[in-house]
Amino acid sequence: MRVLIVSGYFPPFTPMSGVRAGKLAKHLLAAGHDVRVLAARDLPFPPLLKPEIPFEKICYARYADI
């Protein structure tokens, strides 16, 4: 199955929702699914985590605080 995860927070940024989205992507990929992630970059959080899926499967888009 092909899966697209759209998340405002994704590793390397560390709010809890980013951690959850990262683990979901990791487990779906391990189950054999084709996973892609669209997430925000340049967030006001420290980039402390290492993504657990290959970087080429993640697309970071510009973050805008409106």
PDB file of N, CA and C in Angstrom:
ATOM      1  N   MET A   1       0.840  -1.159   0.000  1.00  0.00           N
ATOM      2  CA  MET A   1       0.000   0.000   0.000  1.00  0.00           C
ATOM      3  C   MET A   1       0.899   1.240   0.000  1.00  0.00           C
ATOM      4  N   ARG A   2       0.479   2.267  -0.714  1.00  0.00           N
ATOM      5  CA  ARG A   2       1.204   3.538  -0.721  1.00  0.00           C
ATOM      6  C   ARG A   2       0.574   4.454   0.315  1.00  0.00           C
ATOM      7  N   VAL A   3       1.421   5.038   1.175  1.00  0.00           N
ATOM      8  CA  VAL A   3       0.943   5.856   2.279  1.00  0.00           C
ATOM      9  C   VAL A   3       1.634   7.214   2.230  1.00  0.00           C
ATOM     10  N   LEU A   4       0.852   8.290   2.345  1.00  0.00           N
ATOM     11  CA  LEU A   4       1.388   9.635   2.470  1.00  0.00           C
ATOM     12  C   LEU A   4       1.006  10.151   3.849  1.00  0.00           C
ATOM     13  N   ILE A   5       2.016  10.496   4.642  1.00  0.00           N
ATOM     14  CA  ILE A   5       1.787  11.085   5.960  1.00  0.00           C
ATOM     15  C   ILE A   5       2.044  12.580   5.841  1.00  0.00           C
ATOM     16  N   VAL A   6       1.037  13.381   6.150  1.00  0.00           N
ATOM     17  CA  VAL A   6       1.179  14.835   6.154  1.00  0.00           C
ATOM     18  C   VAL A   6       1.167  15.251   7.619  1.00  0.00           C
ATOM     19  N   SER A   7       2.292  15.801   8.061  1.00  0.00           N
ATOM     20  CA  SER A   7       2.438  16.117   9.481  1.00  0.00           C
ATOM     21  C   SER A   7       3.093  17.478   9.647  1.00  0.00           C
ATOM     22  N   GLY A   8       2.541  18.275  10.532  1.00  0.00           N
ATOM     23  CA  GLY A   8       3.154  19.562  10.825  1.00  0.00           C
ATOM     24  C   GLY A   8       4.488  19.394  11.528  1.00  0.00           C
ATOM     25  N   TYR A   9       4.611  18.332  12.302  1.00  0.00           N
ATOM     26  CA  TYR A   9       5.847  18.056  13.037  1.00  0.00           C
ATOM     27  C   TYR A   9       6.329  16.657  12.683  1.00  0.00           C
ATOM     28  N   PHE A  10       7.598  16.542  12.395  1.00  0.00           N
ATOM     29  CA  PHE A  10       8.216  15.259  12.058  1.00  0.00           C
ATOM     30  C   PHE A  10       9.679  15.372  12.423  1.00  0.00           C
ATOM     31  N   PRO A  11      10.299  14.270  12.854  1.00  0.00           N
ATOM     32  CA  PRO A  11      11.726  14.362  13.200  1.00  0.00           C
ATOM     33  C   PRO A  11      12.528  15.008  12.074  1.00  0.00           C
ATOM     34  N   PRO A  12      13.420  15.887  12.382  1.00  0.00           N
ATOM     35  CA  PRO A  12      14.192  16.016  13.611  1.00  0.00           C
ATOM     36  C   PRO A  12      13.571  16.908  14.681  1.00  0.00           C
ATOM     37  N   PHE A  13      12.382  17.472  14.452  1.00  0.00           N
ATOM     38  CA  PHE A  13      11.776  18.360  15.439  1.00  0.00           C
ATOM     39  C   PHE A  13      11.039  17.526  16.490  1.00  0.00           C
ATOM     40  N   THR A  14      11.016  18.003  17.738  1.00  0.00           N
ATOM     41  CA  THR A  14      10.711  17.120  18.849  1.00  0.00           C
ATOM     42  C   THR A  14       9.393  17.276  19.596  1.00  0.00           C
ATOM     43  N   PRO A  15       8.387  18.006  19.150  1.00  0.00           N
ATOM     44  CA  PRO A  15       7.114  17.906  19.876  1.00  0.00           C
ATOM     45  C   PRO A  15       6.620  16.459  19.824  1.00  0.00           C
ATOM     46  N   MET A  16       5.809  16.062  20.787  1.00  0.00           N
ATOM     47  CA  MET A  16       5.380  14.658  20.867  1.00  0.00           C
ATOM     48  C   MET A  16       4.689  14.200  19.590  1.00  0.00           C
ATOM     49  N   SER A  17       3.916  15.067  18.950  1.00  0.00           N
ATOM     50  CA  SER A  17       3.253  14.640  17.713  1.00  0.00           C
ATOM     51  C   SER A  17       4.271  14.321  16.620  1.00  0.00           C
ATOM     52  N   GLY A  18       5.422  14.975  16.638  1.00  0.00           N
ATOM     53  CA  GLY A  18       6.486  14.654  15.689  1.00  0.00           C
ATOM     54  C   GLY A  18       7.081  13.287  15.944  1.00  0.00           C
ATOM     55  N   VAL A  19       7.232  12.941  17.200  1.00  0.00           N
ATOM     56  CA  VAL A  19       7.752  11.613  17.565  1.00  0.00           C
ATOM     57  C   VAL A  19       6.774  10.538  17.115  1.00  0.00           C
ATOM     58  N   ARG A  20       5.498  10.755  17.351  1.00  0.00           N
ATOM     59  CA  ARG A  20       4.473   9.767  16.965  1.00  0.00           C
ATOM     60  C   ARG A  20       4.437   9.567  15.448  1.00  0.00           C
ATOM     61  N   ALA A  21       4.480  10.661  14.703  1.00  0.00           N
ATOM     62  CA  ALA A  21       4.451  10.550  13.242  1.00  0.00           C
ATOM     63  C   ALA A  21       5.684   9.817  12.731  1.00  0.00           C
ATOM     64  N   GLY A  22       6.829  10.063  13.349  1.00  0.00           N
ATOM     65  CA  GLY A  22       8.060   9.379  12.952  1.00  0.00           C
ATOM     66  C   GLY A  22       8.000   7.878  13.199  1.00  0.00           C
ATOM     67  N   LYS A  23       7.472   7.495  14.351  1.00  0.00           N
ATOM     68  CA  LYS A  23       7.341   6.062  14.671  1.00  0.00           C
ATOM     69  C   LYS A  23       6.322   5.390  13.759  1.00  0.00           C
ATOM     70  N   LEU A  24       5.217   6.088  13.452  1.00  0.00           N
ATOM     71  CA  LEU A  24       4.220   5.527  12.540  1.00  0.00           C
ATOM     72  C   LEU A  24       4.847   5.255  11.176  1.00  0.00           C
ATOM     73  N   ALA A  25       5.600   6.209  10.658  1.00  0.00           N
ATOM     74  CA  ALA A  25       6.260   6.035   9.359  1.00  0.00           C
ATOM     75  C   ALA A  25       7.248   4.874   9.414  1.00  0.00           C
ATOM     76  N   LYS A  26       8.002   4.768  10.486  1.00  0.00           N
ATOM     77  CA  LYS A  26       8.987   3.682  10.634  1.00  0.00           C
ATOM     78  C   LYS A  26       8.303   2.316  10.605  1.00  0.00           C
ATOM     79  N   HIS A  27       7.211   2.162  11.351  1.00  0.00           N
ATOM     80  CA  HIS A  27       6.537   0.868  11.432  1.00  0.00           C
ATOM     81  C   HIS A  27       5.800   0.520  10.139  1.00  0.00           C
ATOM     82  N   LEU A  28       5.226   1.514   9.475  1.00  0.00           N
ATOM     83  CA  LEU A  28       4.594   1.238   8.188  1.00  0.00           C
ATOM     84  C   LEU A  28       5.621   0.812   7.150  1.00  0.00           C
ATOM     85  N   LEU A  29       6.780   1.453   7.158  1.00  0.00           N
ATOM     86  CA  LEU A  29       7.851   1.090   6.227  1.00  0.00           C
ATOM     87  C   LEU A  29       8.353  -0.325   6.515  1.00  0.00           C
ATOM     88  N   ALA A  30       8.490  -0.662   7.795  1.00  0.00           N
ATOM     89  CA  ALA A  30       8.945  -2.011   8.177  1.00  0.00           C
ATOM     90  C   ALA A  30       7.933  -3.082   7.789  1.00  0.00           C
ATOM     91  N   ALA A  31       6.648  -2.703   7.709  1.00  0.00           N
ATOM     92  CA  ALA A  31       5.605  -3.645   7.318  1.00  0.00           C
ATOM     93  C   ALA A  31       5.522  -3.813   5.808  1.00  0.00           C
ATOM     94  N   GLY A  32       6.362  -3.096   5.066  1.00  0.00           N
ATOM     95  CA  GLY A  32       6.427  -3.272   3.625  1.00  0.00           C
ATOM     96  C   GLY A  32       5.647  -2.253   2.807  1.00  0.00           C
ATOM     97  N   HIS A  33       5.141  -1.221   3.433  1.00  0.00           N
ATOM     98  CA  HIS A  33       4.382  -0.197   2.714  1.00  0.00           C
ATOM     99  C   HIS A  33       5.319   0.849   2.114  1.00  0.00           C
ATOM    100  N   ASP A  34       4.872   1.485   1.046  1.00  0.00           N
ATOM    101  CA  ASP A  34       5.620   2.573   0.419  1.00  0.00           C
ATOM    102  C   ASP A  34       5.195   3.862   1.106  1.00  0.00           C
ATOM    103  N   VAL A  35       6.046   4.376   2.001  1.00  0.00           N
ATOM    104  CA  VAL A  35       5.705   5.520   2.839  1.00  0.00           C
ATOM    105  C   VAL A  35       6.429   6.770   2.347  1.00  0.00           C
ATOM    106  N   ARG A  36       5.684   7.873   2.257  1.00  0.00           N
ATOM    107  CA  ARG A  36       6.235   9.199   1.962  1.00  0.00           C
ATOM    108  C   ARG A  36       5.708  10.150   3.028  1.00  0.00           C
ATOM    109  N   VAL A  37       6.518  11.143   3.359  1.00  0.00           N
ATOM    110  CA  VAL A  37       6.136  12.090   4.408  1.00  0.00           C
ATOM    111  C   VAL A  37       6.270  13.512   3.875  1.00  0.00           C
ATOM    112  N   LEU A  38       5.262  14.329   4.153  1.00  0.00           N
ATOM    113  CA  LEU A  38       5.295  15.759   3.878  1.00  0.00           C
ATOM    114  C   LEU A  38       5.201  16.447   5.228  1.00  0.00           C
ATOM    115  N   ALA A  39       6.227  17.232   5.571  1.00  0.00           N
ATOM    116  CA  ALA A  39       6.289  17.867   6.887  1.00  0.00           C
ATOM    117  C   ALA A  39       6.845  19.279   6.769  1.00  0.00           C
ATOM    118  N   ALA A  40       6.675  20.034   7.841  1.00  0.00           N
ATOM    119  CA  ALA A  40       7.166  21.409   7.876  1.00  0.00           C
ATOM    120  C   ALA A  40       8.639  21.442   8.284  1.00  0.00           C
ATOM    121  N   ARG A  41       9.365  22.448   7.796  1.00  0.00           N
ATOM    122  CA  ARG A  41      10.760  22.649   8.200  1.00  0.00           C
ATOM    123  C   ARG A  41      10.871  24.029   8.855  1.00  0.00           C
ATOM    124  N   ASP A  42      12.013  24.343   9.394  1.00  0.00           N
ATOM    125  CA  ASP A  42      12.277  25.638  10.033  1.00  0.00           C
ATOM    126  C   ASP A  42      11.266  25.948  11.140  1.00  0.00           C
ATOM    127  N   LEU A  43      10.953  24.949  11.943  1.00  0.00           N
ATOM    128  CA  LEU A  43      10.015  25.136  13.048  1.00  0.00           C
ATOM    129  C   LEU A  43      10.718  25.748  14.249  1.00  0.00           C
ATOM    130  N   PRO A  44       9.952  26.355  15.158  1.00  0.00           N
ATOM    131  CA  PRO A  44      10.571  26.974  16.331  1.00  0.00           C
ATOM    132  C   PRO A  44      10.887  25.968  17.437  1.00  0.00           C
ATOM    133  N   PHE A  45      11.294  24.773  17.077  1.00  0.00           N
ATOM    134  CA  PHE A  45      11.682  23.735  18.025  1.00  0.00           C
ATOM    135  C   PHE A  45      13.086  23.271  17.677  1.00  0.00           C
ATOM    136  N   PRO A  46      13.838  22.792  18.661  1.00  0.00           N
ATOM    137  CA  PRO A  46      15.192  22.323  18.358  1.00  0.00           C
ATOM    138  C   PRO A  46      15.158  21.007  17.567  1.00  0.00           C
ATOM    139  N   PRO A  47      15.993  20.869  16.553  1.00  0.00           N
ATOM    140  CA  PRO A  47      16.059  19.610  15.790  1.00  0.00           C
ATOM    141  C   PRO A  47      16.933  18.592  16.527  1.00  0.00           C
ATOM    142  N   LEU A  48      16.319  17.783  17.391  1.00  0.00           N
ATOM    143  CA  LEU A  48      17.073  16.870  18.240  1.00  0.00           C
ATOM    144  C   LEU A  48      16.997  15.407  17.828  1.00  0.00           C
ATOM    145  N   LEU A  49      15.997  15.015  17.063  1.00  0.00           N
ATOM    146  CA  LEU A  49      15.820  13.611  16.702  1.00  0.00           C
ATOM    147  C   LEU A  49      16.360  13.319  15.309  1.00  0.00           C
ATOM    148  N   LYS A  50      16.764  12.093  15.118  1.00  0.00           N
ATOM    149  CA  LYS A  50      17.169  11.642  13.792  1.00  0.00           C
ATOM    150  C   LYS A  50      15.985  10.899  13.177  1.00  0.00           C
ATOM    151  N   PRO A  51      15.552  11.259  11.965  1.00  0.00           N
ATOM    152  CA  PRO A  51      14.456  10.512  11.338  1.00  0.00           C
ATOM    153  C   PRO A  51      14.823   9.037  11.197  1.00  0.00           C
ATOM    154  N   GLU A  52      13.841   8.169  11.447  1.00  0.00           N
ATOM    155  CA  GLU A  52      14.087   6.727  11.410  1.00  0.00           C
ATOM    156  C   GLU A  52      13.713   6.102  10.073  1.00  0.00           C
ATOM    157  N   ILE A  53      13.409   6.930   9.079  1.00  0.00           N
ATOM    158  CA  ILE A  53      13.165   6.437   7.727  1.00  0.00           C
ATOM    159  C   ILE A  53      14.156   7.137   6.815  1.00  0.00           C
ATOM    160  N   PRO A  54      14.419   6.581   5.643  1.00  0.00           N
ATOM    161  CA  PRO A  54      15.382   7.228   4.734  1.00  0.00           C
ATOM    162  C   PRO A  54      14.985   8.662   4.394  1.00  0.00           C
ATOM    163  N   PHE A  55      15.968   9.542   4.369  1.00  0.00           N
ATOM    164  CA  PHE A  55      15.726  10.970   4.142  1.00  0.00           C
ATOM    165  C   PHE A  55      15.048  11.233   2.808  1.00  0.00           C
ATOM    166  N   GLU A  56      15.311  10.417   1.800  1.00  0.00           N
ATOM    167  CA  GLU A  56      14.715  10.653   0.481  1.00  0.00           C
ATOM    168  C   GLU A  56      13.205  10.391   0.469  1.00  0.00           C
ATOM    169  N   LYS A  57      12.654   9.810   1.521  1.00  0.00           N
ATOM    170  CA  LYS A  57      11.214   9.587   1.610  1.00  0.00           C
ATOM    171  C   LYS A  57      10.494  10.735   2.320  1.00  0.00           C
ATOM    172  N   ILE A  58      11.256  11.761   2.746  1.00  0.00           N
ATOM    173  CA  ILE A  58      10.681  12.898   3.470  1.00  0.00           C
ATOM    174  C   ILE A  58      10.829  14.155   2.614  1.00  0.00           C
ATOM    175  N   CYS A  59       9.748  14.899   2.492  1.00  0.00           N
ATOM    176  CA  CYS A  59       9.779  16.177   1.802  1.00  0.00           C
ATOM    177  C   CYS A  59       9.399  17.257   2.820  1.00  0.00           C
ATOM    178  N   TYR A  60      10.331  18.161   3.104  1.00  0.00           N
ATOM    179  CA  TYR A  60      10.069  19.241   4.051  1.00  0.00           C
ATOM    180  C   TYR A  60       9.639  20.489   3.284  1.00  0.00           C
ATOM    181  N   ALA A  61       8.547  21.086   3.711  1.00  0.00           N
ATOM    182  CA  ALA A  61       8.030  22.314   3.102  1.00  0.00           C
ATOM    183  C   ALA A  61       8.238  23.475   4.063  1.00  0.00           C
ATOM    184  N   ARG A  62       8.267  24.670   3.515  1.00  0.00           N
ATOM    185  CA  ARG A  62       8.486  25.866   4.332  1.00  0.00           C
ATOM    186  C   ARG A  62       7.329  26.067   5.300  1.00  0.00           C
ATOM    187  N   TYR A  63       7.663  26.405   6.523  1.00  0.00           N
ATOM    188  CA  TYR A  63       6.689  26.674   7.577  1.00  0.00           C
ATOM    189  C   TYR A  63       6.349  28.152   7.596  1.00  0.00           C
ATOM    190  N   ALA A  64       5.070  28.489   7.689  1.00  0.00           N
ATOM    191  CA  ALA A  64       4.644  29.883   7.762  1.00  0.00           C
ATOM    192  C   ALA A  64       3.715  30.050   8.951  1.00  0.00           C
ATOM    193  N   ASP A  65       4.075  30.950   9.859  1.00  0.00           N
ATOM    194  CA  ASP A  65       3.243  31.226  11.035  1.00  0.00           C
ATOM    195  C   ASP A  65       2.288  32.355  10.670  1.00  0.00           C
ATOM    196  N   ILE A  66       1.012  31.997  10.454  1.00  0.00           N
ATOM    197  CA  ILE A  66       0.038  33.011  10.033  1.00  0.00           C
ATOM    198  C   ILE A  66      -0.937  33.357  11.142  1.00  0.00           C
TER     199      ILE A  66
END
